[in-house]
Amino acid sequence: MPELLADQIMKRAEESAELYYRLILVVAPAGAGKTAALKDVRDRIDAPLININLELSRRMLELTERQRALKLPQILHEIACNESREITLLDNIEIIFDVDLKQDPLRLLQGLSRNKTVVAAWNGAIGKNSLTYAAPDHPEYRRYPIRDFLVASPEVTT
């Protein structure tokens, strides 16, 4: 499965070149092979694979709660966009869903994808016309219409 998903990601990366937001979300529940697929893509094209939870936690450790909420978009941009490569792979993005940070995770990712292709692992599910993160009764629950990004998923056929 990871190879098939990696192939799907590579195809979506080519498709994203002409889009306003060059964002590809790799959507599947935890344990479905997203990280393995991202590692495969990293090895194929020598793209950076960034653990967002780890990098953001390190950089925001000394900040107050208010400073974290205010500076998160800038710090995330520095982490994801400091590479000159055309594609950046993001894994473990759960921290950007933290309700205390008061962010719109999809908007953050779209902002990163204006000048480069961003591929992000998304722990969630795809419905007929929507993308979700977490269960509806969970505080971090999000639901978005499927637009302004591409999807790679074991659930989606190419």
N, C-alpha and C. Protein backbone atom coordinates (compact mmCIF):
# COMPACT_ATOMS: atom_id res chain seq x y z
N MET A 1 0.80 -1.21 0.00
CA MET A 1 0.00 0.00 0.00
C MET A 1 0.84 1.27 0.00
N PRO A 2 1.92 1.39 0.79
CA PRO A 2 2.69 2.63 0.78
C PRO A 2 3.22 3.00 -0.60
N GLU A 3 3.63 2.01 -1.40
CA GLU A 3 4.13 2.33 -2.74
C GLU A 3 3.02 2.90 -3.61
N LEU A 4 1.84 2.31 -3.56
CA LEU A 4 0.72 2.80 -4.32
C LEU A 4 0.38 4.24 -3.90
N LEU A 5 0.36 4.49 -2.62
CA LEU A 5 0.08 5.83 -2.12
C LEU A 5 1.20 6.80 -2.53
N ALA A 6 2.44 6.37 -2.51
CA ALA A 6 3.55 7.22 -2.95
C ALA A 6 3.41 7.57 -4.43
N ASP A 7 2.99 6.61 -5.23
CA ASP A 7 2.76 6.88 -6.66
C ASP A 7 1.66 7.93 -6.83
N GLN A 8 0.62 7.81 -6.03
CA GLN A 8 -0.48 8.77 -6.07
C GLN A 8 0.01 10.17 -5.71
N ILE A 9 0.86 10.26 -4.69
CA ILE A 9 1.41 11.55 -4.28
C ILE A 9 2.24 12.15 -5.42
N MET A 10 3.06 11.34 -6.05
CA MET A 10 3.89 11.82 -7.16
C MET A 10 3.01 12.35 -8.30
N LYS A 11 1.94 11.66 -8.60
CA LYS A 11 1.02 12.10 -9.66
C LYS A 11 0.37 13.43 -9.28
N ARG A 12 -0.09 13.53 -8.04
CA ARG A 12 -0.72 14.78 -7.58
C ARG A 12 0.28 15.95 -7.60
N ALA A 13 1.55 15.67 -7.30
CA ALA A 13 2.57 16.72 -7.32
C ALA A 13 2.71 17.29 -8.72
N GLU A 14 2.66 16.46 -9.72
CA GLU A 14 2.71 16.94 -11.11
C GLU A 14 1.47 17.78 -11.42
N GLU A 15 0.31 17.32 -10.98
CA GLU A 15 -0.95 18.04 -11.23
C GLU A 15 -0.98 19.39 -10.52
N SER A 16 -0.32 19.49 -9.39
CA SER A 16 -0.41 20.71 -8.57
C SER A 16 0.38 21.88 -9.16
N ALA A 17 1.27 21.62 -10.09
CA ALA A 17 2.16 22.66 -10.62
C ALA A 17 1.41 23.87 -11.18
N GLU A 18 0.21 23.68 -11.69
CA GLU A 18 -0.55 24.76 -12.30
C GLU A 18 -1.61 25.38 -11.38
N LEU A 19 -1.69 24.92 -10.16
CA LEU A 19 -2.74 25.38 -9.25
C LEU A 19 -2.32 26.58 -8.41
N TYR A 20 -3.30 27.34 -7.95
CA TYR A 20 -3.02 28.49 -7.07
C TYR A 20 -2.43 27.99 -5.76
N TYR A 21 -3.11 27.04 -5.11
CA TYR A 21 -2.57 26.39 -3.92
C TYR A 21 -1.99 25.05 -4.36
N ARG A 22 -0.72 24.87 -4.17
CA ARG A 22 -0.06 23.62 -4.54
C ARG A 22 0.01 22.72 -3.31
N LEU A 23 -1.16 22.42 -2.79
CA LEU A 23 -1.28 21.65 -1.56
C LEU A 23 -1.85 20.27 -1.86
N ILE A 24 -1.16 19.26 -1.35
CA ILE A 24 -1.62 17.88 -1.48
C ILE A 24 -1.77 17.32 -0.07
N LEU A 25 -2.96 16.89 0.27
CA LEU A 25 -3.20 16.28 1.56
C LEU A 25 -3.25 14.77 1.40
N VAL A 26 -2.44 14.08 2.18
CA VAL A 26 -2.42 12.62 2.18
C VAL A 26 -3.36 12.21 3.31
N VAL A 27 -4.56 11.84 2.96
CA VAL A 27 -5.63 11.64 3.93
C VAL A 27 -5.87 10.15 4.21
N ALA A 28 -5.77 9.81 5.48
CA ALA A 28 -6.05 8.45 5.94
C ALA A 28 -6.00 8.45 7.46
N PRO A 29 -6.62 7.46 8.09
CA PRO A 29 -6.53 7.36 9.55
C PRO A 29 -5.12 6.97 9.98
N ALA A 30 -4.84 7.13 11.25
CA ALA A 30 -3.54 6.75 11.80
C ALA A 30 -3.26 5.28 11.50
N GLY A 31 -2.02 4.99 11.16
CA GLY A 31 -1.61 3.62 10.90
C GLY A 31 -1.91 3.11 9.49
N ALA A 32 -2.32 4.00 8.59
CA ALA A 32 -2.70 3.57 7.24
C ALA A 32 -1.56 3.65 6.22
N GLY A 33 -0.37 4.09 6.65
CA GLY A 33 0.77 4.11 5.75
C GLY A 33 1.15 5.46 5.20
N LYS A 34 0.64 6.53 5.77
CA LYS A 34 0.97 7.87 5.28
C LYS A 34 2.47 8.18 5.43
N THR A 35 3.02 7.90 6.60
CA THR A 35 4.44 8.18 6.85
C THR A 35 5.33 7.35 5.94
N ALA A 36 5.01 6.09 5.76
CA ALA A 36 5.80 5.24 4.87
C ALA A 36 5.76 5.78 3.44
N ALA A 37 4.59 6.23 3.00
CA ALA A 37 4.48 6.79 1.65
C ALA A 37 5.29 8.08 1.52
N LEU A 38 5.25 8.93 2.54
CA LEU A 38 6.03 10.17 2.51
C LEU A 38 7.53 9.87 2.49
N LYS A 39 7.95 8.87 3.24
CA LYS A 39 9.37 8.48 3.23
C LYS A 39 9.77 7.96 1.85
N ASP A 40 8.89 7.22 1.22
CA ASP A 40 9.17 6.72 -0.13
C ASP A 40 9.33 7.90 -1.10
N VAL A 41 8.42 8.85 -1.04
CA VAL A 41 8.51 10.04 -1.90
C VAL A 41 9.80 10.80 -1.61
N ARG A 42 10.12 10.98 -0.33
CA ARG A 42 11.37 11.65 0.06
C ARG A 42 12.57 10.98 -0.60
N ASP A 43 12.62 9.68 -0.54
CA ASP A 43 13.74 8.94 -1.12
C ASP A 43 13.78 9.05 -2.63
N ARG A 44 12.63 9.12 -3.27
CA ARG A 44 12.58 9.22 -4.73
C ARG A 44 13.07 10.57 -5.25
N ILE A 45 12.66 11.65 -4.56
CA ILE A 45 12.94 12.98 -5.11
C ILE A 45 13.85 13.83 -4.23
N ASP A 46 14.36 13.26 -3.15
CA ASP A 46 15.26 13.98 -2.24
C ASP A 46 14.62 15.27 -1.72
N ALA A 47 13.39 15.16 -1.26
CA ALA A 47 12.67 16.30 -0.69
C ALA A 47 12.76 16.23 0.83
N PRO A 48 12.73 17.39 1.50
CA PRO A 48 12.75 17.36 2.97
C PRO A 48 11.44 16.80 3.52
N LEU A 49 11.55 15.96 4.54
CA LEU A 49 10.40 15.41 5.27
C LEU A 49 10.49 15.95 6.68
N ILE A 50 9.53 16.80 7.06
CA ILE A 50 9.59 17.52 8.32
C ILE A 50 8.53 17.03 9.28
N ASN A 51 8.93 16.73 10.52
CA ASN A 51 8.02 16.37 11.59
C ASN A 51 7.56 17.70 12.23
N ILE A 52 6.38 18.15 11.87
CA ILE A 52 5.90 19.46 12.32
C ILE A 52 5.70 19.51 13.83
N ASN A 53 5.15 18.46 14.43
CA ASN A 53 4.97 18.46 15.89
C ASN A 53 6.30 18.72 16.59
N LEU A 54 7.34 18.03 16.18
CA LEU A 54 8.65 18.16 16.81
C LEU A 54 9.25 19.54 16.60
N GLU A 55 9.25 20.01 15.36
CA GLU A 55 9.89 21.29 15.04
C GLU A 55 9.15 22.47 15.67
N LEU A 56 7.82 22.47 15.59
CA LEU A 56 7.06 23.57 16.21
C LEU A 56 7.20 23.55 17.72
N SER A 57 7.16 22.38 18.32
CA SER A 57 7.32 22.27 19.78
C SER A 57 8.65 22.85 20.23
N ARG A 58 9.70 22.51 19.52
CA ARG A 58 11.03 23.03 19.86
C ARG A 58 11.07 24.56 19.81
N ARG A 59 10.50 25.12 18.76
CA ARG A 59 10.60 26.56 18.55
C ARG A 59 9.63 27.37 19.40
N MET A 60 8.57 26.73 19.89
CA MET A 60 7.59 27.47 20.67
C MET A 60 7.71 27.21 22.17
N LEU A 61 8.67 26.43 22.56
CA LEU A 61 8.83 26.03 23.95
C LEU A 61 8.92 27.22 24.91
N GLU A 62 9.66 28.22 24.54
CA GLU A 62 9.89 29.37 25.42
C GLU A 62 8.83 30.47 25.29
N LEU A 63 7.86 30.29 24.41
CA LEU A 63 6.85 31.32 24.18
C LEU A 63 5.66 31.15 25.11
N THR A 64 4.99 32.26 25.40
CA THR A 64 3.75 32.19 26.18
C THR A 64 2.64 31.66 25.28
N GLU A 65 1.51 31.31 25.87
CA GLU A 65 0.39 30.79 25.09
C GLU A 65 -0.06 31.79 24.03
N ARG A 66 -0.12 33.06 24.41
CA ARG A 66 -0.53 34.11 23.45
C ARG A 66 0.50 34.25 22.34
N GLN A 67 1.78 34.24 22.68
CA GLN A 67 2.84 34.36 21.67
C GLN A 67 2.80 33.17 20.71
N ARG A 68 2.51 32.00 21.23
CA ARG A 68 2.43 30.81 20.37
C ARG A 68 1.35 30.99 19.31
N ALA A 69 0.18 31.44 19.74
CA ALA A 69 -0.93 31.63 18.80
C ALA A 69 -0.58 32.70 17.76
N LEU A 70 0.08 33.75 18.18
CA LEU A 70 0.43 34.83 17.25
C LEU A 70 1.57 34.47 16.30
N LYS A 71 2.54 33.76 16.79
CA LYS A 71 3.75 33.49 16.00
C LYS A 71 3.73 32.17 15.24
N LEU A 72 2.77 31.32 15.52
CA LEU A 72 2.75 30.02 14.86
C LEU A 72 2.81 30.10 13.34
N PRO A 73 2.00 30.95 12.67
CA PRO A 73 2.09 30.98 11.20
C PRO A 73 3.50 31.33 10.69
N GLN A 74 4.13 32.28 11.32
CA GLN A 74 5.48 32.69 10.91
C GLN A 74 6.48 31.56 11.15
N ILE A 75 6.41 30.94 12.30
CA ILE A 75 7.35 29.85 12.64
C ILE A 75 7.13 28.66 11.69
N LEU A 76 5.87 28.34 11.42
CA LEU A 76 5.57 27.24 10.51
C LEU A 76 6.13 27.53 9.12
N HIS A 77 5.99 28.75 8.67
CA HIS A 77 6.54 29.15 7.37
C HIS A 77 8.06 28.99 7.35
N GLU A 78 8.72 29.42 8.42
CA GLU A 78 10.18 29.28 8.49
C GLU A 78 10.60 27.82 8.44
N ILE A 79 9.86 26.97 9.12
CA ILE A 79 10.18 25.54 9.15
C ILE A 79 9.98 24.90 7.77
N ALA A 80 8.84 25.18 7.16
CA ALA A 80 8.47 24.48 5.93
C ALA A 80 9.06 25.10 4.67
N CYS A 81 9.39 26.36 4.71
CA CYS A 81 9.79 27.03 3.47
C CYS A 81 11.26 27.44 3.44
N ASN A 82 12.07 27.01 4.39
CA ASN A 82 13.47 27.42 4.38
C ASN A 82 14.28 26.62 3.36
N GLU A 83 13.71 25.55 2.85
CA GLU A 83 14.37 24.75 1.82
C GLU A 83 14.06 25.35 0.45
N SER A 84 15.04 25.32 -0.43
CA SER A 84 14.84 25.87 -1.77
C SER A 84 14.21 24.85 -2.73
N ARG A 85 13.91 23.68 -2.26
CA ARG A 85 13.34 22.64 -3.12
C ARG A 85 11.89 22.95 -3.43
N GLU A 86 11.43 22.40 -4.54
CA GLU A 86 10.07 22.66 -5.01
C GLU A 86 9.00 21.96 -4.19
N ILE A 87 9.35 20.85 -3.54
CA ILE A 87 8.38 20.07 -2.77
C ILE A 87 8.87 19.90 -1.34
N THR A 88 7.96 20.14 -0.40
CA THR A 88 8.23 19.88 1.01
C THR A 88 7.18 18.92 1.53
N LEU A 89 7.63 17.93 2.28
CA LEU A 89 6.74 16.91 2.85
C LEU A 89 6.59 17.17 4.34
N LEU A 90 5.36 17.22 4.81
CA LEU A 90 5.07 17.48 6.22
C LEU A 90 4.37 16.29 6.85
N ASP A 91 4.89 15.84 7.97
CA ASP A 91 4.29 14.72 8.68
C ASP A 91 4.03 15.15 10.13
N ASN A 92 3.14 14.44 10.80
CA ASN A 92 2.83 14.73 12.21
C ASN A 92 2.44 16.20 12.40
N ILE A 93 1.34 16.59 11.80
CA ILE A 93 0.90 17.99 11.83
C ILE A 93 -0.14 18.25 12.92
N GLU A 94 -0.38 17.29 13.79
CA GLU A 94 -1.47 17.39 14.77
C GLU A 94 -1.42 18.65 15.63
N ILE A 95 -0.25 19.16 15.90
CA ILE A 95 -0.11 20.33 16.77
C ILE A 95 -0.84 21.55 16.22
N ILE A 96 -0.94 21.68 14.91
CA ILE A 96 -1.61 22.86 14.36
C ILE A 96 -3.12 22.82 14.56
N PHE A 97 -3.65 21.67 14.99
CA PHE A 97 -5.08 21.55 15.30
C PHE A 97 -5.39 21.88 16.76
N ASP A 98 -4.38 22.08 17.58
CA ASP A 98 -4.58 22.37 19.00
C ASP A 98 -5.48 23.59 19.15
N VAL A 99 -6.60 23.44 19.84
CA VAL A 99 -7.57 24.53 19.97
C VAL A 99 -6.99 25.75 20.68
N ASP A 100 -6.02 25.54 21.58
CA ASP A 100 -5.41 26.66 22.29
C ASP A 100 -4.60 27.57 21.35
N LEU A 101 -4.18 27.05 20.22
CA LEU A 101 -3.40 27.85 19.27
C LEU A 101 -4.28 28.71 18.36
N LYS A 102 -5.58 28.44 18.37
CA LYS A 102 -6.56 29.26 17.65
C LYS A 102 -6.20 29.47 16.17
N GLN A 103 -5.93 28.38 15.47
CA GLN A 103 -5.53 28.45 14.07
C GLN A 103 -6.52 27.70 13.18
N ASP A 104 -6.51 28.04 11.91
CA ASP A 104 -7.24 27.28 10.91
C ASP A 104 -6.19 26.43 10.18
N PRO A 105 -6.08 25.15 10.52
CA PRO A 105 -5.02 24.31 9.96
C PRO A 105 -4.96 24.28 8.43
N LEU A 106 -6.11 24.18 7.78
CA LEU A 106 -6.10 24.13 6.32
C LEU A 106 -5.59 25.44 5.73
N ARG A 107 -6.00 26.53 6.30
CA ARG A 107 -5.53 27.84 5.81
C ARG A 107 -4.02 27.98 5.99
N LEU A 108 -3.49 27.51 7.12
CA LEU A 108 -2.04 27.54 7.34
C LEU A 108 -1.32 26.77 6.24
N LEU A 109 -1.80 25.58 5.95
CA LEU A 109 -1.17 24.74 4.93
C LEU A 109 -1.30 25.36 3.54
N GLN A 110 -2.45 25.95 3.26
CA GLN A 110 -2.63 26.60 1.97
C GLN A 110 -1.66 27.77 1.82
N GLY A 111 -1.45 28.52 2.88
CA GLY A 111 -0.51 29.63 2.83
C GLY A 111 0.90 29.17 2.50
N LEU A 112 1.28 28.04 3.04
CA LEU A 112 2.61 27.49 2.75
C LEU A 112 2.73 27.06 1.29
N SER A 113 1.61 26.68 0.69
CA SER A 113 1.64 26.07 -0.63
C SER A 113 1.50 27.07 -1.78
N ARG A 114 1.60 28.34 -1.51
CA ARG A 114 1.50 29.33 -2.58
C ARG A 114 2.75 29.35 -3.47
N ASN A 115 3.91 29.14 -2.91
CA ASN A 115 5.14 29.26 -3.68
C ASN A 115 5.90 27.95 -3.85
N LYS A 116 5.36 26.88 -3.31
CA LYS A 116 5.98 25.56 -3.47
C LYS A 116 4.93 24.50 -3.23
N THR A 117 5.21 23.30 -3.69
CA THR A 117 4.28 22.20 -3.45
C THR A 117 4.49 21.68 -2.04
N VAL A 118 3.41 21.60 -1.29
CA VAL A 118 3.43 21.09 0.07
C VAL A 118 2.57 19.83 0.12
N VAL A 119 3.17 18.77 0.63
CA VAL A 119 2.46 17.50 0.80
C VAL A 119 2.38 17.25 2.30
N ALA A 120 1.16 17.17 2.84
CA ALA A 120 0.98 17.03 4.29
C ALA A 120 0.15 15.79 4.62
N ALA A 121 0.61 15.03 5.60
CA ALA A 121 -0.14 13.89 6.10
C ALA A 121 -1.29 14.41 6.96
N TRP A 122 -2.50 13.96 6.67
CA TRP A 122 -3.71 14.44 7.36
C TRP A 122 -4.43 13.24 7.96
N ASN A 123 -4.47 13.17 9.29
CA ASN A 123 -5.18 12.08 9.97
C ASN A 123 -6.66 12.38 9.94
N GLY A 124 -7.35 11.78 9.02
CA GLY A 124 -8.76 12.05 8.92
C GLY A 124 -9.41 11.16 7.89
N ALA A 125 -10.51 11.66 7.34
CA ALA A 125 -11.28 10.89 6.38
C ALA A 125 -11.85 11.80 5.30
N ILE A 126 -12.17 11.16 4.19
CA ILE A 126 -12.77 11.88 3.07
C ILE A 126 -14.19 11.40 2.92
N GLY A 127 -15.12 12.35 2.86
CA GLY A 127 -16.50 12.02 2.56
C GLY A 127 -16.76 12.31 1.10
N LYS A 128 -18.01 12.33 0.72
CA LYS A 128 -18.35 12.58 -0.67
C LYS A 128 -17.87 13.96 -1.12
N ASN A 129 -18.12 14.97 -0.31
CA ASN A 129 -17.73 16.33 -0.67
C ASN A 129 -16.92 17.04 0.41
N SER A 130 -16.47 16.29 1.42
CA SER A 130 -15.79 16.96 2.52
C SER A 130 -14.63 16.16 3.07
N LEU A 131 -13.78 16.87 3.75
CA LEU A 131 -12.61 16.32 4.41
C LEU A 131 -12.79 16.58 5.90
N THR A 132 -12.53 15.58 6.74
CA THR A 132 -12.66 15.78 8.18
C THR A 132 -11.36 15.45 8.89
N TYR A 133 -11.24 16.04 10.05
CA TYR A 133 -10.16 15.74 10.98
C TYR A 133 -10.79 15.51 12.33
N ALA A 134 -10.53 14.39 12.95
CA ALA A 134 -11.06 14.01 14.27
C ALA A 134 -12.56 13.67 14.18
N ALA A 135 -13.08 13.18 15.28
CA ALA A 135 -14.50 12.82 15.36
C ALA A 135 -15.33 14.06 15.68
N PRO A 136 -16.58 14.10 15.25
CA PRO A 136 -17.41 15.30 15.46
C PRO A 136 -17.51 15.78 16.91
N ASP A 137 -17.40 14.90 17.89
CA ASP A 137 -17.51 15.34 19.28
C ASP A 137 -16.16 15.72 19.90
N HIS A 138 -15.09 15.64 19.12
CA HIS A 138 -13.75 15.97 19.61
C HIS A 138 -13.51 17.48 19.48
N PRO A 139 -12.82 18.11 20.46
CA PRO A 139 -12.60 19.57 20.39
C PRO A 139 -11.81 20.02 19.16
N GLU A 140 -10.99 19.14 18.60
CA GLU A 140 -10.18 19.51 17.43
C GLU A 140 -10.86 19.18 16.10
N TYR A 141 -12.10 18.75 16.17
CA TYR A 141 -12.82 18.37 14.96
C TYR A 141 -12.86 19.52 13.95
N ARG A 142 -12.59 19.17 12.70
CA ARG A 142 -12.67 20.12 11.59
C ARG A 142 -13.31 19.41 10.41
N ARG A 143 -14.07 20.18 9.66
CA ARG A 143 -14.67 19.68 8.43
C ARG A 143 -14.53 20.76 7.37
N TYR A 144 -14.03 20.36 6.22
CA TYR A 144 -13.79 21.30 5.13
C TYR A 144 -14.37 20.77 3.84
N PRO A 145 -14.87 21.66 2.98
CA PRO A 145 -15.24 21.20 1.64
C PRO A 145 -13.97 20.84 0.86
N ILE A 146 -14.07 19.90 -0.02
CA ILE A 146 -12.90 19.50 -0.81
C ILE A 146 -12.77 20.48 -1.98
N ARG A 147 -11.91 21.48 -1.77
CA ARG A 147 -11.59 22.45 -2.82
C ARG A 147 -10.30 23.17 -2.43
N ASP A 148 -9.61 23.64 -3.41
CA ASP A 148 -8.35 24.37 -3.24
C ASP A 148 -7.22 23.50 -2.68
N PHE A 149 -7.30 22.19 -2.87
CA PHE A 149 -6.22 21.28 -2.54
C PHE A 149 -6.48 19.96 -3.26
N LEU A 150 -5.42 19.18 -3.39
CA LEU A 150 -5.54 17.85 -3.99
C LEU A 150 -5.46 16.81 -2.88
N VAL A 151 -6.01 15.64 -3.13
CA VAL A 151 -6.04 14.57 -2.13
C VAL A 151 -5.36 13.33 -2.69
N ALA A 152 -4.50 12.75 -1.87
CA ALA A 152 -3.96 11.41 -2.13
C ALA A 152 -4.39 10.57 -0.94
N SER A 153 -4.96 9.41 -1.22
CA SER A 153 -5.48 8.59 -0.13
C SER A 153 -5.64 7.16 -0.58
N PRO A 154 -5.44 6.21 0.34
CA PRO A 154 -5.72 4.82 -0.02
C PRO A 154 -7.20 4.62 -0.38
N GLU A 155 -8.07 5.53 0.07
CA GLU A 155 -9.50 5.42 -0.18
C GLU A 155 -9.90 5.98 -1.54
N VAL A 156 -8.99 6.75 -2.18
CA VAL A 156 -9.30 7.41 -3.45
C VAL A 156 -8.56 6.69 -4.56
N THR A 157 -9.27 6.35 -5.60
CA THR A 157 -8.61 5.75 -6.76
C THR A 157 -8.19 6.85 -7.71
N THR A 158 -7.06 6.64 -8.38
CA THR A 158 -6.52 7.69 -9.25
C THR A 158 -7.10 7.65 -10.64
